[in-house]
């Protein structure tokens, strides 16, 4: 799952949420169709966020990959760059306006 870090993730099966503090969870369910969704720890992403499994008298194994999310703060820096650039443009324009033609 995600190394030896002690993180809690959640699985919701047919509207019942289980908190999981380990790399795996074992549940005993009756035969039937079950819908699940996965809620990874804060700052992590999961390769399968939801799905369906069918219990028909045998064990079911669902393998998930939970990994640390990439940080996409570069968009913030691009926005700051354009704000500074726009500010400089108006400052230069104001200075030129004061000096006249």
C-alpha atoms as a PDB file:
ATOM      1  CA  UNK A   1       0.000   0.000   0.000  1.00  0.00           C
ATOM      2  CA  UNK A   2       2.025   2.952   1.216  1.00  0.00           C
ATOM      3  CA  UNK A   3       5.107   1.664   2.943  1.00  0.00           C
ATOM      4  CA  UNK A   4       5.389   1.502   6.692  1.00  0.00           C
ATOM      5  CA  UNK A   5       3.657   4.797   7.373  1.00  0.00           C
ATOM      6  CA  UNK A   6       0.933   4.594   9.982  1.00  0.00           C
ATOM      7  CA  UNK A   7      -1.917   6.224   8.069  1.00  0.00           C
ATOM      8  CA  UNK A   8      -5.651   5.686   8.190  1.00  0.00           C
ATOM      9  CA  UNK A   9      -7.624   5.115   5.018  1.00  0.00           C
ATOM     10  CA  UNK A  10     -11.307   4.348   4.641  1.00  0.00           C
ATOM     11  CA  UNK A  11     -13.426   1.924   2.680  1.00  0.00           C
ATOM     12  CA  UNK A  12     -17.143   2.410   2.341  1.00  0.00           C
ATOM     13  CA  UNK A  13     -19.115  -0.726   1.485  1.00  0.00           C
ATOM     14  CA  UNK A  14     -22.849  -0.362   0.837  1.00  0.00           C
ATOM     15  CA  UNK A  15     -22.908   2.890   2.872  1.00  0.00           C
ATOM     16  CA  UNK A  16     -20.994   1.490   5.858  1.00  0.00           C
ATOM     17  CA  UNK A  17     -17.601   3.147   6.375  1.00  0.00           C
ATOM     18  CA  UNK A  18     -14.681   1.231   7.870  1.00  0.00           C
ATOM     19  CA  UNK A  19     -11.491   2.961   8.988  1.00  0.00           C
ATOM     20  CA  UNK A  20      -8.379   0.955   8.200  1.00  0.00           C
ATOM     21  CA  UNK A  21      -5.094   1.504   9.999  1.00  0.00           C
ATOM     22  CA  UNK A  22      -3.271  -1.384   8.334  1.00  0.00           C
ATOM     23  CA  UNK A  23      -2.345  -2.272   4.785  1.00  0.00           C
ATOM     24  CA  UNK A  24      -5.310  -4.616   4.488  1.00  0.00           C
ATOM     25  CA  UNK A  25      -8.765  -5.257   5.846  1.00  0.00           C
ATOM     26  CA  UNK A  26     -10.627  -8.549   6.223  1.00  0.00           C
ATOM     27  CA  UNK A  27     -14.412  -8.521   6.285  1.00  0.00           C
ATOM     28  CA  UNK A  28     -16.924 -11.339   6.365  1.00  0.00           C
ATOM     29  CA  UNK A  29     -19.852 -10.570   4.088  1.00  0.00           C
ATOM     30  CA  UNK A  30     -22.779 -12.698   3.029  1.00  0.00           C
ATOM     31  CA  UNK A  31     -23.195 -13.706  -0.604  1.00  0.00           C
ATOM     32  CA  UNK A  32     -24.292 -10.743  -2.679  1.00  0.00           C
ATOM     33  CA  UNK A  33     -23.234  -7.721  -4.693  1.00  0.00           C
ATOM     34  CA  UNK A  34     -21.386  -4.952  -2.862  1.00  0.00           C
ATOM     35  CA  UNK A  35     -20.462  -1.447  -3.957  1.00  0.00           C
ATOM     36  CA  UNK A  36     -17.359   0.096  -2.458  1.00  0.00           C
ATOM     37  CA  UNK A  37     -15.524   3.400  -2.458  1.00  0.00           C
ATOM     38  CA  UNK A  38     -12.059   4.158  -1.141  1.00  0.00           C
ATOM     39  CA  UNK A  39     -11.079   7.320   0.726  1.00  0.00           C
ATOM     40  CA  UNK A  40      -7.277   7.573   0.906  1.00  0.00           C
ATOM     41  CA  UNK A  41      -5.393   9.416   3.658  1.00  0.00           C
ATOM     42  CA  UNK A  42      -5.004  13.193   3.308  1.00  0.00           C
ATOM     43  CA  UNK A  43      -2.368  13.938   0.660  1.00  0.00           C
ATOM     44  CA  UNK A  44      -2.619  10.499  -0.966  1.00  0.00           C
ATOM     45  CA  UNK A  45      -4.351   9.169  -4.072  1.00  0.00           C
ATOM     46  CA  UNK A  46      -5.709   5.719  -4.879  1.00  0.00           C
ATOM     47  CA  UNK A  47      -5.760   3.930  -8.232  1.00  0.00           C
ATOM     48  CA  UNK A  48      -9.353   2.649  -7.800  1.00  0.00           C
ATOM     49  CA  UNK A  49     -11.711   5.044  -6.053  1.00  0.00           C
ATOM     50  CA  UNK A  50     -14.786   2.818  -6.312  1.00  0.00           C
ATOM     51  CA  UNK A  51     -16.083  -0.415  -7.721  1.00  0.00           C
ATOM     52  CA  UNK A  52     -18.270  -3.466  -7.287  1.00  0.00           C
ATOM     53  CA  UNK A  53     -17.493  -6.943  -6.008  1.00  0.00           C
ATOM     54  CA  UNK A  54     -19.605 -10.069  -5.795  1.00  0.00           C
ATOM     55  CA  UNK A  55     -19.352 -12.538  -2.936  1.00  0.00           C
ATOM     56  CA  UNK A  56     -20.397 -16.026  -3.978  1.00  0.00           C
ATOM     57  CA  UNK A  57     -19.122 -18.345  -1.267  1.00  0.00           C
ATOM     58  CA  UNK A  58     -15.414 -17.633  -1.739  1.00  0.00           C
ATOM     59  CA  UNK A  59     -12.842 -15.035  -0.767  1.00  0.00           C
ATOM     60  CA  UNK A  60     -12.524 -11.801  -2.720  1.00  0.00           C
ATOM     61  CA  UNK A  61      -9.256  -9.867  -2.969  1.00  0.00           C
ATOM     62  CA  UNK A  62      -9.238  -6.284  -4.205  1.00  0.00           C
ATOM     63  CA  UNK A  63      -5.759  -4.857  -4.710  1.00  0.00           C
ATOM     64  CA  UNK A  64      -5.325  -1.116  -4.388  1.00  0.00           C
ATOM     65  CA  UNK A  65      -2.398   1.200  -4.835  1.00  0.00           C
ATOM     66  CA  UNK A  66      -2.354   4.181  -2.507  1.00  0.00           C
ATOM     67  CA  UNK A  67       0.493   6.614  -3.076  1.00  0.00           C
ATOM     68  CA  UNK A  68       1.490  10.100  -2.085  1.00  0.00           C
ATOM     69  CA  UNK A  69      -0.126  12.745  -4.291  1.00  0.00           C
ATOM     70  CA  UNK A  70       2.055  14.969  -6.443  1.00  0.00           C
ATOM     71  CA  UNK A  71       2.115  18.595  -5.384  1.00  0.00           C
ATOM     72  CA  UNK A  72       0.855  20.851  -8.149  1.00  0.00           C
ATOM     73  CA  UNK A  73       1.640  24.201  -6.521  1.00  0.00           C
ATOM     74  CA  UNK A  74       3.378  25.384  -9.683  1.00  0.00           C
ATOM     75  CA  UNK A  75       0.019  26.807 -10.830  1.00  0.00           C
ATOM     76  CA  UNK A  76       0.100  29.089  -7.805  1.00  0.00           C
ATOM     77  CA  UNK A  77       3.567  30.326  -8.800  1.00  0.00           C
ATOM     78  CA  UNK A  78       2.462  30.958 -12.389  1.00  0.00           C
ATOM     79  CA  UNK A  79      -0.436  33.049 -11.091  1.00  0.00           C
ATOM     80  CA  UNK A  80       1.908  35.056  -8.829  1.00  0.00           C
ATOM     81  CA  UNK A  81       4.280  35.588 -11.775  1.00  0.00           C
ATOM     82  CA  UNK A  82       1.487  37.029 -13.934  1.00  0.00           C
ATOM     83  CA  UNK A  83       0.248  39.290 -11.113  1.00  0.00           C
ATOM     84  CA  UNK A  84       3.780  40.673 -10.664  1.00  0.00           C
ATOM     85  CA  UNK A  85       4.201  41.063 -14.410  1.00  0.00           C
ATOM     86  CA  UNK A  86       0.893  42.897 -14.713  1.00  0.00           C
ATOM     87  CA  UNK A  87       1.784  45.132 -11.754  1.00  0.00           C
ATOM     88  CA  UNK A  88       5.135  46.022 -13.346  1.00  0.00           C
ATOM     89  CA  UNK A  89       3.375  46.826 -16.606  1.00  0.00           C
ATOM     90  CA  UNK A  90       1.048  49.312 -14.883  1.00  0.00           C
ATOM     91  CA  UNK A  91       3.898  50.847 -12.840  1.00  0.00           C
ATOM     92  CA  UNK A  92       5.983  51.398 -15.996  1.00  0.00           C
ATOM     93  CA  UNK A  93       2.974  52.811 -17.817  1.00  0.00           C
ATOM     94  CA  UNK A  94       2.282  55.210 -14.936  1.00  0.00           C
ATOM     95  CA  UNK A  95       5.922  56.398 -14.877  1.00  0.00           C
ATOM     96  CA  UNK A  96       5.871  57.011 -18.635  1.00  0.00           C
ATOM     97  CA  UNK A  97       2.573  58.901 -18.313  1.00  0.00           C
ATOM     98  CA  UNK A  98       4.079  61.237 -15.659  1.00  0.00           C
ATOM     99  CA  UNK A  99       7.132  62.011 -17.813  1.00  0.00           C
ATOM    100  CA  UNK A 100       4.975  62.802 -20.813  1.00  0.00           C
ATOM    101  CA  UNK A 101       5.793  62.233 -24.480  1.00  0.00           C
END
